């Protein structure tokens, strides 16, 4: 999450800014530059995952200028359980969409279903909660 908030994820716009010869447009829809906020929140790929998580995507949060501002809004708006789900789902979108889903779509012409992203997030969160029971409480 801190990498997303500090804008250090290897998005296409970030790579282009660092002089890598790459088209900065989003791979999935090609209309806007691929930024941290777009890949995790605005892109149709991410929107489909969020629609699955919360039923209806809350687009009111898209007014944030960047992902850091979006994260601040989520911290203030969500309860603890929802915030954990938002964080782990964001992580799953990043790890899955930036590499695996893009490669599957480009080379195999198969788009990863949003339920796969959510299953991964839910599984990681449950495993964390199971293991956290054995950690000493502070």
Protein backbone atom coordinates (compact mmCIF):
# COMPACT_ATOMS: atom_id res chain seq x y z
CA UNK A 1 0.00 0.00 0.00
CA UNK A 2 2.83 2.39 0.81
CA UNK A 3 4.26 1.87 -2.70
CA UNK A 4 0.95 2.87 -4.21
CA UNK A 5 0.63 5.91 -1.94
CA UNK A 6 4.18 7.05 -2.72
CA UNK A 7 3.60 6.48 -6.45
CA UNK A 8 6.47 4.03 -6.93
CA UNK A 9 4.57 1.20 -8.61
CA UNK A 10 5.93 0.45 -12.09
CA UNK A 11 2.95 1.85 -13.98
CA UNK A 12 3.33 2.72 -17.64
CA UNK A 13 3.19 6.47 -17.03
CA UNK A 14 5.86 6.15 -14.32
CA UNK A 15 8.10 4.15 -16.67
CA UNK A 16 7.58 6.68 -19.48
CA UNK A 17 8.43 9.51 -17.06
CA UNK A 18 11.68 7.68 -16.32
CA UNK A 19 12.47 7.73 -20.08
CA UNK A 20 11.59 4.08 -20.77
CA UNK A 21 10.36 3.86 -24.36
CA UNK A 22 6.78 2.77 -23.65
CA UNK A 23 3.29 3.99 -24.47
CA UNK A 24 1.92 5.33 -21.15
CA UNK A 25 -1.72 4.55 -22.04
CA UNK A 26 -3.58 1.93 -20.01
CA UNK A 27 -3.28 -1.53 -21.54
CA UNK A 28 -6.89 -2.43 -20.88
CA UNK A 29 -8.68 0.62 -22.26
CA UNK A 30 -5.99 2.85 -23.81
CA UNK A 31 -7.84 6.13 -23.18
CA UNK A 32 -5.83 7.53 -20.26
CA UNK A 33 -2.28 7.17 -19.02
CA UNK A 34 -1.81 4.22 -16.69
CA UNK A 35 -1.22 5.69 -13.23
CA UNK A 36 -1.37 4.12 -9.80
CA UNK A 37 -4.85 5.53 -9.23
CA UNK A 38 -6.12 4.47 -12.64
CA UNK A 39 -4.85 0.88 -12.43
CA UNK A 40 -6.19 0.41 -8.89
CA UNK A 41 -9.44 2.35 -9.07
CA UNK A 42 -10.53 3.84 -12.40
CA UNK A 43 -9.65 1.32 -15.12
CA UNK A 44 -12.53 -0.97 -16.19
CA UNK A 45 -10.50 -3.95 -14.96
CA UNK A 46 -10.30 -2.47 -11.43
CA UNK A 47 -13.90 -1.18 -11.57
CA UNK A 48 -15.14 -4.71 -12.22
CA UNK A 49 -13.28 -5.99 -9.16
CA UNK A 50 -14.65 -3.21 -6.94
CA UNK A 51 -18.18 -3.81 -8.26
CA UNK A 52 -17.80 -7.44 -7.17
CA UNK A 53 -16.50 -6.46 -3.72
CA UNK A 54 -19.06 -3.79 -2.86
CA UNK A 55 -21.84 -4.49 -5.33
CA UNK A 56 -21.76 -0.97 -6.70
CA UNK A 57 -18.60 1.02 -7.16
CA UNK A 58 -18.56 4.20 -5.11
CA UNK A 59 -17.39 6.65 -7.77
CA UNK A 60 -17.61 9.58 -5.34
CA UNK A 61 -14.07 8.70 -4.30
CA UNK A 62 -12.72 9.20 -7.81
CA UNK A 63 -12.49 12.97 -7.25
CA UNK A 64 -9.18 12.42 -5.42
CA UNK A 65 -6.26 13.76 -7.46
CA UNK A 66 -4.05 10.72 -6.82
CA UNK A 67 -3.97 7.40 -5.03
CA UNK A 68 -2.61 8.90 -1.81
CA UNK A 69 -5.63 11.21 -1.57
CA UNK A 70 -7.95 8.30 -2.37
CA UNK A 71 -6.32 6.24 0.40
CA UNK A 72 -6.77 9.09 2.89
CA UNK A 73 -10.44 9.29 1.95
CA UNK A 74 -10.85 5.53 2.39
CA UNK A 75 -9.14 5.59 5.80
CA UNK A 76 -11.59 8.27 6.93
CA UNK A 77 -14.68 6.69 5.35
CA UNK A 78 -14.43 2.93 5.86
CA UNK A 79 -14.70 0.95 9.05
CA UNK A 80 -11.75 -1.24 10.07
CA UNK A 81 -13.07 -4.41 8.40
CA UNK A 82 -13.88 -2.61 5.13
CA UNK A 83 -10.51 -0.87 5.15
CA UNK A 84 -8.67 -4.19 5.49
CA UNK A 85 -10.67 -5.55 2.56
CA UNK A 86 -9.97 -2.41 0.50
CA UNK A 87 -6.21 -2.61 1.19
CA UNK A 88 -5.84 -6.30 0.42
CA UNK A 89 -8.03 -6.04 -2.68
CA UNK A 90 -5.94 -3.10 -3.92
CA UNK A 91 -2.84 -5.21 -3.38
CA UNK A 92 -4.41 -8.10 -5.28
CA UNK A 93 -5.37 -5.86 -8.19
CA UNK A 94 -1.81 -4.56 -8.36
CA UNK A 95 -0.05 -7.88 -8.15
CA UNK A 96 -2.51 -9.56 -10.46
CA UNK A 97 -3.30 -6.86 -13.01
CA UNK A 98 0.07 -5.27 -13.57
CA UNK A 99 1.70 -8.52 -14.59
CA UNK A 100 -0.40 -11.66 -14.69
CA UNK A 101 -3.66 -10.34 -16.11
CA UNK A 102 -1.92 -8.09 -18.64
CA UNK A 103 0.23 -10.97 -19.88
CA UNK A 104 -2.70 -13.39 -20.04
CA UNK A 105 -4.72 -10.83 -22.00
CA UNK A 106 -1.88 -9.95 -24.38
CA UNK A 107 -0.48 -13.41 -25.07
CA UNK A 108 -3.42 -15.75 -24.53
CA UNK A 109 -6.30 -13.34 -25.30
CA UNK A 110 -7.94 -14.30 -22.00
CA UNK A 111 -9.09 -11.70 -19.50
CA UNK A 112 -8.88 -12.64 -15.83
CA UNK A 113 -12.30 -12.63 -14.21
CA UNK A 114 -12.74 -10.14 -11.33
CA UNK A 115 -13.84 -12.98 -9.07
CA UNK A 116 -10.31 -14.43 -9.33
CA UNK A 117 -8.86 -11.16 -8.01
CA UNK A 118 -11.38 -11.09 -5.16
CA UNK A 119 -10.76 -14.76 -4.30
CA UNK A 120 -7.05 -14.04 -4.06
CA UNK A 121 -7.65 -11.01 -1.83
CA UNK A 122 -10.09 -12.85 0.41
CA UNK A 123 -7.73 -15.81 0.74
CA UNK A 124 -4.75 -13.61 1.69
CA UNK A 125 -6.85 -11.66 4.22
CA UNK A 126 -8.18 -14.83 5.86
CA UNK A 127 -4.68 -16.33 6.04
CA UNK A 128 -3.35 -13.13 7.62
CA UNK A 129 -6.17 -13.11 10.18
CA UNK A 130 -5.55 -16.79 10.98
CA UNK A 131 -1.83 -16.20 11.52
CA UNK A 132 -2.34 -12.93 13.43
CA UNK A 133 -3.99 -14.91 16.23
CA UNK A 134 -0.55 -16.33 17.09
CA UNK A 135 1.19 -12.95 17.24
CA UNK A 136 1.70 -11.28 20.62
CA UNK A 137 -0.73 -8.44 21.14
CA UNK A 138 0.63 -4.96 21.75
